[in-house]
Amino acid sequence: AMDKFAEGIDLLAGFAAQRTGREPGGFEVRNWAGAVVGVVL
């Protein structure tokens, strides 16, 4: 499932990037996505 969590970070980073106009690979966007995945887990 760890691979699935990594996919979840990618999905959430894409979502956050679309909502905020930022790049999905940006530090803040990926950090936010990782925090969401951690909280969900």
PDB file of all heavy atoms in Angstrom:
ATOM      1  N   ALA A   1       0.816  -1.219   0.000  1.00  0.00           N
ATOM      2  CA  ALA A   1       0.000   0.000   0.000  1.00  0.00           C
ATOM      3  C   ALA A   1       0.848   1.268   0.000  1.00  0.00           C
ATOM      4  O   ALA A   1       0.349   2.337  -0.376  1.00  0.00           O
ATOM      5  CB  ALA A   1      -0.945   0.001   1.194  1.00  0.00           C
ATOM      6  N   MET A   2       2.097   1.163   0.366  1.00  0.00           N
ATOM      7  CA  MET A   2       2.962   2.352   0.364  1.00  0.00           C
ATOM      8  C   MET A   2       3.026   2.975  -1.028  1.00  0.00           C
ATOM      9  O   MET A   2       3.038   4.198  -1.161  1.00  0.00           O
ATOM     10  CB  MET A   2       4.362   2.011   0.867  1.00  0.00           C
ATOM     11  CG  MET A   2       4.414   1.738   2.362  1.00  0.00           C
ATOM     12  SD  MET A   2       3.655   3.033   3.383  1.00  0.00           S
ATOM     13  CE  MET A   2       4.718   4.403   3.043  1.00  0.00           C
ATOM     14  N   ASP A   3       3.050   2.149  -2.071  1.00  0.00           N
ATOM     15  CA  ASP A   3       3.029   2.691  -3.436  1.00  0.00           C
ATOM     16  C   ASP A   3       1.739   3.454  -3.688  1.00  0.00           C
ATOM     17  O   ASP A   3       1.730   4.477  -4.372  1.00  0.00           O
ATOM     18  CB  ASP A   3       3.174   1.570  -4.470  1.00  0.00           C
ATOM     19  CG  ASP A   3       4.582   1.007  -4.514  1.00  0.00           C
ATOM     20  OD1 ASP A   3       5.523   1.689  -4.074  1.00  0.00           O
ATOM     21  OD2 ASP A   3       4.737  -0.133  -4.998  1.00  0.00           O
ATOM     22  N   LYS A   4       0.649   2.964  -3.140  1.00  0.00           N
ATOM     23  CA  LYS A   4      -0.625   3.648  -3.307  1.00  0.00           C
ATOM     24  C   LYS A   4      -0.626   5.002  -2.599  1.00  0.00           C
ATOM     25  O   LYS A   4      -1.221   5.963  -3.085  1.00  0.00           O
ATOM     26  CB  LYS A   4      -1.780   2.796  -2.778  1.00  0.00           C
ATOM     27  CG  LYS A   4      -1.996   1.522  -3.552  1.00  0.00           C
ATOM     28  CD  LYS A   4      -2.150   1.814  -5.016  1.00  0.00           C
ATOM     29  CE  LYS A   4      -3.392   1.258  -5.582  1.00  0.00           C
ATOM     30  NZ  LYS A   4      -3.539   1.590  -6.995  1.00  0.00           N
ATOM     31  N   PHE A   5       0.045   5.080  -1.463  1.00  0.00           N
ATOM     32  CA  PHE A   5       0.128   6.368  -0.764  1.00  0.00           C
ATOM     33  C   PHE A   5       0.932   7.364  -1.588  1.00  0.00           C
ATOM     34  O   PHE A   5       0.589   8.543  -1.651  1.00  0.00           O
ATOM     35  CB  PHE A   5       0.731   6.198   0.630  1.00  0.00           C
ATOM     36  CG  PHE A   5      -0.138   5.386   1.554  1.00  0.00           C
ATOM     37  CD1 PHE A   5       0.401   4.354   2.294  1.00  0.00           C
ATOM     38  CD2 PHE A   5      -1.487   5.639   1.672  1.00  0.00           C
ATOM     39  CE1 PHE A   5      -0.397   3.592   3.133  1.00  0.00           C
ATOM     40  CE2 PHE A   5      -2.296   4.883   2.505  1.00  0.00           C
ATOM     41  CZ  PHE A   5      -1.748   3.866   3.242  1.00  0.00           C
ATOM     42  N   ALA A   6       1.984   6.878  -2.245  1.00  0.00           N
ATOM     43  CA  ALA A   6       2.765   7.755  -3.126  1.00  0.00           C
ATOM     44  C   ALA A   6       1.886   8.253  -4.280  1.00  0.00           C
ATOM     45  O   ALA A   6       1.937   9.437  -4.645  1.00  0.00           O
ATOM     46  CB  ALA A   6       3.995   7.030  -3.651  1.00  0.00           C
ATOM     47  N   GLU A   7       1.066   7.369  -4.837  1.00  0.00           N
ATOM     48  CA  GLU A   7       0.130   7.777  -5.887  1.00  0.00           C
ATOM     49  C   GLU A   7      -0.867   8.799  -5.343  1.00  0.00           C
ATOM     50  O   GLU A   7      -1.245   9.738  -6.039  1.00  0.00           O
ATOM     51  CB  GLU A   7      -0.625   6.570  -6.434  1.00  0.00           C
ATOM     52  CG  GLU A   7       0.215   5.631  -7.263  1.00  0.00           C
ATOM     53  CD  GLU A   7      -0.541   4.365  -7.660  1.00  0.00           C
ATOM     54  OE1 GLU A   7      -1.809   4.364  -7.624  1.00  0.00           O
ATOM     55  OE2 GLU A   7       0.120   3.376  -7.997  1.00  0.00           O
ATOM     56  N   GLY A   8      -1.287   8.598  -4.092  1.00  0.00           N
ATOM     57  CA  GLY A   8      -2.208   9.543  -3.462  1.00  0.00           C
ATOM     58  C   GLY A   8      -1.600  10.928  -3.333  1.00  0.00           C
ATOM     59  O   GLY A   8      -2.271  11.937  -3.549  1.00  0.00           O
ATOM     60  N   ILE A   9      -0.324  10.986  -2.999  1.00  0.00           N
ATOM     61  CA  ILE A   9       0.359  12.281  -2.922  1.00  0.00           C
ATOM     62  C   ILE A   9       0.362  12.938  -4.295  1.00  0.00           C
ATOM     63  O   ILE A   9       0.074  14.137  -4.423  1.00  0.00           O
ATOM     64  CB  ILE A   9       1.789  12.119  -2.362  1.00  0.00           C
ATOM     65  CG1 ILE A   9       1.719  11.744  -0.879  1.00  0.00           C
ATOM     66  CG2 ILE A   9       2.608  13.397  -2.569  1.00  0.00           C
ATOM     67  CD1 ILE A   9       3.049  11.363  -0.266  1.00  0.00           C
ATOM     68  N   ASP A  10       0.640  12.160  -5.342  1.00  0.00           N
ATOM     69  CA  ASP A  10       0.623  12.715  -6.696  1.00  0.00           C
ATOM     70  C   ASP A  10      -0.760  13.236  -7.068  1.00  0.00           C
ATOM     71  O   ASP A  10      -0.896  14.329  -7.624  1.00  0.00           O
ATOM     72  CB  ASP A  10       1.071  11.658  -7.711  1.00  0.00           C
ATOM     73  CG  ASP A  10       2.547  11.304  -7.592  1.00  0.00           C
ATOM     74  OD1 ASP A  10       3.312  12.081  -6.993  1.00  0.00           O
ATOM     75  OD2 ASP A  10       2.930  10.234  -8.106  1.00  0.00           O
ATOM     76  N   LEU A  11      -1.812  12.448  -6.763  1.00  0.00           N
ATOM     77  CA  LEU A  11      -3.178  12.880  -7.069  1.00  0.00           C
ATOM     78  C   LEU A  11      -3.533  14.172  -6.325  1.00  0.00           C
ATOM     79  O   LEU A  11      -4.084  15.108  -6.910  1.00  0.00           O
ATOM     80  CB  LEU A  11      -4.184  11.792  -6.684  1.00  0.00           C
ATOM     81  CG  LEU A  11      -4.404  10.666  -7.666  1.00  0.00           C
ATOM     82  CD1 LEU A  11      -5.265   9.572  -7.029  1.00  0.00           C
ATOM     83  CD2 LEU A  11      -5.079  11.170  -8.928  1.00  0.00           C
ATOM     84  N   LEU A  12      -3.215  14.200  -5.042  1.00  0.00           N
ATOM     85  CA  LEU A  12      -3.550  15.386  -4.240  1.00  0.00           C
ATOM     86  C   LEU A  12      -2.715  16.600  -4.651  1.00  0.00           C
ATOM     87  O   LEU A  12      -3.212  17.728  -4.625  1.00  0.00           O
ATOM     88  CB  LEU A  12      -3.370  15.093  -2.759  1.00  0.00           C
ATOM     89  CG  LEU A  12      -4.477  14.234  -2.164  1.00  0.00           C
ATOM     90  CD1 LEU A  12      -4.054  13.677  -0.809  1.00  0.00           C
ATOM     91  CD2 LEU A  12      -5.767  15.034  -2.033  1.00  0.00           C
ATOM     92  N   ALA A  13      -1.472  16.379  -5.025  1.00  0.00           N
ATOM     93  CA  ALA A  13      -0.639  17.493  -5.496  1.00  0.00           C
ATOM     94  C   ALA A  13      -1.223  18.071  -6.786  1.00  0.00           C
ATOM     95  O   ALA A  13      -1.276  19.300  -6.958  1.00  0.00           O
ATOM     96  CB  ALA A  13       0.800  17.037  -5.702  1.00  0.00           C
ATOM     97  N   GLY A  14      -1.695  17.199  -7.673  1.00  0.00           N
ATOM     98  CA  GLY A  14      -2.342  17.676  -8.897  1.00  0.00           C
ATOM     99  C   GLY A  14      -3.608  18.459  -8.590  1.00  0.00           C
ATOM    100  O   GLY A  14      -3.867  19.517  -9.187  1.00  0.00           O
ATOM    101  N   PHE A  15      -4.385  17.949  -7.650  1.00  0.00           N
ATOM    102  CA  PHE A  15      -5.606  18.644  -7.224  1.00  0.00           C
ATOM    103  C   PHE A  15      -5.275  20.020  -6.654  1.00  0.00           C
ATOM    104  O   PHE A  15      -5.853  21.033  -7.048  1.00  0.00           O
ATOM    105  CB  PHE A  15      -6.338  17.784  -6.187  1.00  0.00           C
ATOM    106  CG  PHE A  15      -7.254  18.560  -5.284  1.00  0.00           C
ATOM    107  CD1 PHE A  15      -8.455  19.057  -5.774  1.00  0.00           C
ATOM    108  CD2 PHE A  15      -6.917  18.799  -3.963  1.00  0.00           C
ATOM    109  CE1 PHE A  15      -9.306  19.785  -4.941  1.00  0.00           C
ATOM    110  CE2 PHE A  15      -7.750  19.520  -3.133  1.00  0.00           C
ATOM    111  CZ  PHE A  15      -8.955  20.018  -3.623  1.00  0.00           C
ATOM    112  N   ALA A  16      -4.330  20.069  -5.710  1.00  0.00           N
ATOM    113  CA  ALA A  16      -3.974  21.343  -5.073  1.00  0.00           C
ATOM    114  C   ALA A  16      -3.403  22.325  -6.092  1.00  0.00           C
ATOM    115  O   ALA A  16      -3.686  23.528  -6.025  1.00  0.00           O
ATOM    116  CB  ALA A  16      -2.975  21.095  -3.946  1.00  0.00           C
ATOM    117  N   ALA A  17      -2.617  21.826  -7.033  1.00  0.00           N
ATOM    118  CA  ALA A  17      -2.054  22.693  -8.059  1.00  0.00           C
ATOM    119  C   ALA A  17      -3.163  23.314  -8.906  1.00  0.00           C
ATOM    120  O   ALA A  17      -3.125  24.519  -9.203  1.00  0.00           O
ATOM    121  CB  ALA A  17      -1.088  21.895  -8.938  1.00  0.00           C
ATOM    122  N   GLN A  18      -4.160  22.515  -9.260  1.00  0.00           N
ATOM    123  CA  GLN A  18      -5.272  23.047 -10.049  1.00  0.00           C
ATOM    124  C   GLN A  18      -6.054  24.097  -9.269  1.00  0.00           C
ATOM    125  O   GLN A  18      -6.478  25.101  -9.826  1.00  0.00           O
ATOM    126  CB  GLN A  18      -6.206  21.926 -10.488  1.00  0.00           C
ATOM    127  CG  GLN A  18      -5.655  21.122 -11.645  1.00  0.00           C
ATOM    128  CD  GLN A  18      -6.678  20.133 -12.148  1.00  0.00           C
ATOM    129  OE1 GLN A  18      -6.916  19.115 -11.530  1.00  0.00           O
ATOM    130  NE2 GLN A  18      -7.289  20.451 -13.275  1.00  0.00           N
ATOM    131  N   ARG A  19      -6.253  23.864  -7.990  1.00  0.00           N
ATOM    132  CA  ARG A  19      -7.048  24.804  -7.186  1.00  0.00           C
ATOM    133  C   ARG A  19      -6.302  26.086  -6.872  1.00  0.00           C
ATOM    134  O   ARG A  19      -6.927  27.117  -6.664  1.00  0.00           O
ATOM    135  CB  ARG A  19      -7.496  24.142  -5.883  1.00  0.00           C
ATOM    136  CG  ARG A  19      -8.553  23.103  -6.183  1.00  0.00           C
ATOM    137  CD  ARG A  19      -9.546  22.869  -5.138  1.00  0.00           C
ATOM    138  NE  ARG A  19     -10.330  23.918  -4.605  1.00  0.00           N
ATOM    139  CZ  ARG A  19     -11.617  24.111  -4.865  1.00  0.00           C
ATOM    140  NH1 ARG A  19     -12.231  23.359  -5.748  1.00  0.00           N
ATOM    141  NH2 ARG A  19     -12.293  25.048  -4.258  1.00  0.00           N
ATOM    142  N   THR A  20      -4.968  26.007  -6.804  1.00  0.00           N
ATOM    143  CA  THR A  20      -4.199  27.178  -6.379  1.00  0.00           C
ATOM    144  C   THR A  20      -3.415  27.846  -7.492  1.00  0.00           C
ATOM    145  O   THR A  20      -2.836  28.911  -7.274  1.00  0.00           O
ATOM    146  CB  THR A  20      -3.210  26.783  -5.268  1.00  0.00           C
ATOM    147  OG1 THR A  20      -2.261  25.849  -5.795  1.00  0.00           O
ATOM    148  CG2 THR A  20      -3.929  26.197  -4.057  1.00  0.00           C
ATOM    149  N   GLY A  21      -3.353  27.207  -8.660  1.00  0.00           N
ATOM    150  CA  GLY A  21      -2.579  27.778  -9.759  1.00  0.00           C
ATOM    151  C   GLY A  21      -1.082  27.561  -9.607  1.00  0.00           C
ATOM    152  O   GLY A  21      -0.287  28.211 -10.285  1.00  0.00           O
ATOM    153  N   ARG A  22      -0.682  26.669  -8.741  1.00  0.00           N
ATOM    154  CA  ARG A  22       0.735  26.366  -8.535  1.00  0.00           C
ATOM    155  C   ARG A  22       1.128  25.127  -9.325  1.00  0.00           C
ATOM    156  O   ARG A  22       0.288  24.430  -9.865  1.00  0.00           O
ATOM    157  CB  ARG A  22       1.014  26.131  -7.054  1.00  0.00           C
ATOM    158  CG  ARG A  22       0.771  27.360  -6.206  1.00  0.00           C
ATOM    159  CD  ARG A  22       1.036  27.044  -4.756  1.00  0.00           C
ATOM    160  NE  ARG A  22       0.799  28.195  -3.932  1.00  0.00           N
ATOM    161  CZ  ARG A  22       1.458  28.445  -2.817  1.00  0.00           C
ATOM    162  NH1 ARG A  22       2.385  27.619  -2.392  1.00  0.00           N
ATOM    163  NH2 ARG A  22       1.176  29.510  -2.109  1.00  0.00           N
ATOM    164  N   GLU A  23       2.416  24.841  -9.314  1.00  0.00           N
ATOM    165  CA  GLU A  23       2.939  23.653  -9.987  1.00  0.00           C
ATOM    166  C   GLU A  23       2.757  22.428  -9.089  1.00  0.00           C
ATOM    167  O   GLU A  23       3.052  22.499  -7.891  1.00  0.00           O
ATOM    168  CB  GLU A  23       4.420  23.831 -10.314  1.00  0.00           C
ATOM    169  CG  GLU A  23       4.679  24.839 -11.405  1.00  0.00           C
ATOM    170  CD  GLU A  23       4.080  24.406 -12.734  1.00  0.00           C
ATOM    171  OE1 GLU A  23       4.195  23.222 -13.102  1.00  0.00           O
ATOM    172  OE2 GLU A  23       3.455  25.259 -13.393  1.00  0.00           O
ATOM    173  N   PRO A  24       2.320  21.289  -9.650  1.00  0.00           N
ATOM    174  CA  PRO A  24       2.127  20.089  -8.820  1.00  0.00           C
ATOM    175  C   PRO A  24       3.420  19.554  -8.205  1.00  0.00           C
ATOM    176  O   PRO A  24       3.373  18.873  -7.189  1.00  0.00           O
ATOM    177  CB  PRO A  24       1.509  19.070  -9.776  1.00  0.00           C
ATOM    178  CG  PRO A  24       1.668  19.611 -11.136  1.00  0.00           C
ATOM    179  CD  PRO A  24       1.920  21.081 -11.031  1.00  0.00           C
ATOM    180  N   GLY A  25       4.555  19.874  -8.792  1.00  0.00           N
ATOM    181  CA  GLY A  25       5.830  19.411  -8.239  1.00  0.00           C
ATOM    182  C   GLY A  25       6.452  20.376  -7.255  1.00  0.00           C
ATOM    183  O   GLY A  25       7.525  20.093  -6.710  1.00  0.00           O
ATOM    184  N   GLY A  26       5.794  21.502  -7.001  1.00  0.00           N
ATOM    185  CA  GLY A  26       6.336  22.491  -6.073  1.00  0.00           C
ATOM    186  C   GLY A  26       6.419  21.956  -4.652  1.00  0.00           C
ATOM    187  O   GLY A  26       5.588  21.146  -4.225  1.00  0.00           O
ATOM    188  N   PHE A  27       7.416  22.418  -3.923  1.00  0.00           N
ATOM    189  CA  PHE A  27       7.655  21.944  -2.557  1.00  0.00           C
ATOM    190  C   PHE A  27       6.416  22.082  -1.677  1.00  0.00           C
ATOM    191  O   PHE A  27       6.016  21.130  -1.014  1.00  0.00           O
ATOM    192  CB  PHE A  27       8.827  22.704  -1.927  1.00  0.00           C
ATOM    193  CG  PHE A  27       9.045  22.379  -0.484  1.00  0.00           C
ATOM    194  CD1 PHE A  27       9.690  21.202  -0.121  1.00  0.00           C
ATOM    195  CD2 PHE A  27       8.599  23.224   0.527  1.00  0.00           C
ATOM    196  CE1 PHE A  27       9.881  20.875   1.216  1.00  0.00           C
ATOM    197  CE2 PHE A  27       8.783  22.907   1.864  1.00  0.00           C
ATOM    198  CZ  PHE A  27       9.439  21.730   2.204  1.00  0.00           C
ATOM    199  N   GLU A  28       5.816  23.268  -1.656  1.00  0.00           N
ATOM    200  CA  GLU A  28       4.669  23.496  -0.782  1.00  0.00           C
ATOM    201  C   GLU A  28       3.488  22.619  -1.160  1.00  0.00           C
ATOM    202  O   GLU A  28       2.786  22.084  -0.291  1.00  0.00           O
ATOM    203  CB  GLU A  28       4.241  24.979  -0.816  1.00  0.00           C
ATOM    204  CG  GLU A  28       5.235  25.922  -0.192  1.00  0.00           C
ATOM    205  CD  GLU A  28       6.298  26.407  -1.183  1.00  0.00           C
ATOM    206  OE1 GLU A  28       6.260  25.993  -2.374  1.00  0.00           O
ATOM    207  OE2 GLU A  28       7.171  27.177  -0.770  1.00  0.00           O
ATOM    208  N   VAL A  29       3.269  22.452  -2.452  1.00  0.00           N
ATOM    209  CA  VAL A  29       2.135  21.649  -2.925  1.00  0.00           C
ATOM    210  C   VAL A  29       2.337  20.184  -2.529  1.00  0.00           C
ATOM    211  O   VAL A  29       1.428  19.537  -1.998  1.00  0.00           O
ATOM    212  CB  VAL A  29       1.965  21.805  -4.454  1.00  0.00           C
ATOM    213  CG1 VAL A  29       0.950  20.818  -4.993  1.00  0.00           C
ATOM    214  CG2 VAL A  29       1.563  23.235  -4.793  1.00  0.00           C
ATOM    215  N   ARG A  30       3.520  19.640  -2.778  1.00  0.00           N
ATOM    216  CA  ARG A  30       3.780  18.231  -2.444  1.00  0.00           C
ATOM    217  C   ARG A  30       3.805  18.026  -0.928  1.00  0.00           C
ATOM    218  O   ARG A  30       3.351  16.997  -0.428  1.00  0.00           O
ATOM    219  CB  ARG A  30       5.073  17.749  -3.090  1.00  0.00           C
ATOM    220  CG  ARG A  30       4.906  17.697  -4.610  1.00  0.00           C
ATOM    221  CD  ARG A  30       5.873  16.822  -5.324  1.00  0.00           C
ATOM    222  NE  ARG A  30       5.910  15.450  -4.917  1.00  0.00           N
ATOM    223  CZ  ARG A  30       5.035  14.507  -5.268  1.00  0.00           C
ATOM    224  NH1 ARG A  30       4.005  14.814  -6.026  1.00  0.00           N
ATOM    225  NH2 ARG A  30       5.185  13.263  -4.875  1.00  0.00           N
ATOM    226  N   ASN A  31       4.323  19.003  -0.195  1.00  0.00           N
ATOM    227  CA  ASN A  31       4.342  18.910   1.256  1.00  0.00           C
ATOM    228  C   ASN A  31       2.910  18.889   1.799  1.00  0.00           C
ATOM    229  O   ASN A  31       2.566  18.085   2.675  1.00  0.00           O
ATOM    230  CB  ASN A  31       5.128  20.096   1.833  1.00  0.00           C
ATOM    231  CG  ASN A  31       5.567  19.869   3.245  1.00  0.00           C
ATOM    232  OD1 ASN A  31       5.864  18.756   3.639  1.00  0.00           O
ATOM    233  ND2 ASN A  31       5.626  20.938   4.016  1.00  0.00           N
ATOM    234  N   TRP A  32       2.066  19.755   1.259  1.00  0.00           N
ATOM    235  CA  TRP A  32       0.653  19.771   1.658  1.00  0.00           C
ATOM    236  C   TRP A  32       0.006  18.421   1.348  1.00  0.00           C
ATOM    237  O   TRP A  32      -0.693  17.852   2.194  1.00  0.00           O
ATOM    238  CB  TRP A  32      -0.067  20.904   0.921  1.00  0.00           C
ATOM    239  CG  TRP A  32      -1.534  20.964   1.200  1.00  0.00           C
ATOM    240  CD1 TRP A  32      -2.141  21.605   2.236  1.00  0.00           C
ATOM    241  CD2 TRP A  32      -2.569  20.330   0.453  1.00  0.00           C
ATOM    242  NE1 TRP A  32      -3.510  21.415   2.169  1.00  0.00           N
ATOM    243  CE2 TRP A  32      -3.787  20.638   1.084  1.00  0.00           C
ATOM    244  CE3 TRP A  32      -2.587  19.538  -0.689  1.00  0.00           C
ATOM    245  CZ2 TRP A  32      -5.016  20.169   0.610  1.00  0.00           C
ATOM    246  CZ3 TRP A  32      -3.809  19.062  -1.159  1.00  0.00           C
ATOM    247  CH2 TRP A  32      -5.009  19.389  -0.515  1.00  0.00           C
ATOM    248  N   ALA A  33       0.243  17.907   0.141  1.00  0.00           N
ATOM    249  CA  ALA A  33      -0.345  16.627  -0.253  1.00  0.00           C
ATOM    250  C   ALA A  33       0.136  15.506   0.661  1.00  0.00           C
ATOM    251  O   ALA A  33      -0.653  14.629   1.050  1.00  0.00           O
ATOM    252  CB  ALA A  33      -0.004  16.319  -1.716  1.00  0.00           C
ATOM    253  N   GLY A  34       1.417  15.522   1.022  1.00  0.00           N
ATOM    254  CA  GLY A  34       1.938  14.510   1.944  1.00  0.00           C
ATOM    255  C   GLY A  34       1.291  14.608   3.316  1.00  0.00           C
ATOM    256  O   GLY A  34       0.998  13.580   3.945  1.00  0.00           O
ATOM    257  N   ALA A  35       1.042  15.830   3.774  1.00  0.00           N
ATOM    258  CA  ALA A  35       0.377  16.006   5.069  1.00  0.00           C
ATOM    259  C   ALA A  35      -1.047  15.449   5.016  1.00  0.00           C
ATOM    260  O   ALA A  35      -1.492  14.776   5.958  1.00  0.00           O
ATOM    261  CB  ALA A  35       0.360  17.487   5.452  1.00  0.00           C
ATOM    262  N   VAL A  36      -1.749  15.703   3.930  1.00  0.00           N
ATOM    263  CA  VAL A  36      -3.111  15.178   3.797  1.00  0.00           C
ATOM    264  C   VAL A  36      -3.084  13.651   3.809  1.00  0.00           C
ATOM    265  O   VAL A  36      -3.871  13.015   4.520  1.00  0.00           O
ATOM    266  CB  VAL A  36      -3.799  15.708   2.517  1.00  0.00           C
ATOM    267  CG1 VAL A  36      -5.130  14.992   2.283  1.00  0.00           C
ATOM    268  CG2 VAL A  36      -4.008  17.214   2.605  1.00  0.00           C
ATOM    269  N   VAL A  37      -2.168  13.046   3.042  1.00  0.00           N
ATOM    270  CA  VAL A  37      -2.087  11.586   3.010  1.00  0.00           C
ATOM    271  C   VAL A  37      -1.771  11.045   4.403  1.00  0.00           C
ATOM    272  O   VAL A  37      -2.362  10.049   4.838  1.00  0.00           O
ATOM    273  CB  VAL A  37      -1.056  11.102   1.962  1.00  0.00           C
ATOM    274  CG1 VAL A  37      -0.729   9.623   2.131  1.00  0.00           C
ATOM    275  CG2 VAL A  37      -1.588  11.361   0.555  1.00  0.00           C
ATOM    276  N   GLY A  38      -0.881  11.693   5.133  1.00  0.00           N
ATOM    277  CA  GLY A  38      -0.553  11.251   6.488  1.00  0.00           C
ATOM    278  C   GLY A  38      -1.756  11.315   7.416  1.00  0.00           C
ATOM    279  O   GLY A  38      -2.012  10.385   8.187  1.00  0.00           O
ATOM    280  N   VAL A  39      -2.501  12.384   7.320  1.00  0.00           N
ATOM    281  CA  VAL A  39      -3.697  12.548   8.160  1.00  0.00           C
ATOM    282  C   VAL A  39      -4.754  11.505   7.782  1.00  0.00           C
ATOM    283  O   VAL A  39      -5.383  10.894   8.656  1.00  0.00           O
ATOM    284  CB  VAL A  39      -4.237  13.994   8.030  1.00  0.00           C
ATOM    285  CG1 VAL A  39      -5.662  14.110   8.538  1.00  0.00           C
ATOM    286  CG2 VAL A  39      -3.325  14.959   8.775  1.00  0.00           C
ATOM    287  N   VAL A  40      -4.933  11.273   6.486  1.00  0.00           N
ATOM    288  CA  VAL A  40      -5.903  10.276   6.029  1.00  0.00           C
ATOM    289  C   VAL A  40      -5.484   8.882   6.495  1.00  0.00           C
ATOM    290  O   VAL A  40      -6.317   8.107   6.983  1.00  0.00           O
ATOM    291  CB  VAL A  40      -6.066  10.344   4.496  1.00  0.00           C
ATOM    292  CG1 VAL A  40      -6.828   9.142   3.961  1.00  0.00           C
ATOM    293  CG2 VAL A  40      -6.769  11.641   4.096  1.00  0.00           C
ATOM    294  N   LEU A  41      -4.210   8.565   6.380  1.00  0.00           N
ATOM    295  CA  LEU A  41      -3.722   7.267   6.838  1.00  0.00           C
ATOM    296  C   LEU A  41      -3.965   7.092   8.332  1.00  0.00           C
ATOM    297  O   LEU A  41      -4.447   6.044   8.767  1.00  0.00           O
ATOM    298  CB  LEU A  41      -2.238   7.103   6.513  1.00  0.00           C
ATOM    299  CG  LEU A  41      -1.580   5.833   7.043  1.00  0.00           C
ATOM    300  CD1 LEU A  41      -2.248   4.586   6.502  1.00  0.00           C
ATOM    301  CD2 LEU A  41      -0.101   5.841   6.695  1.00  0.00           C
TER     302      LEU A  41
END
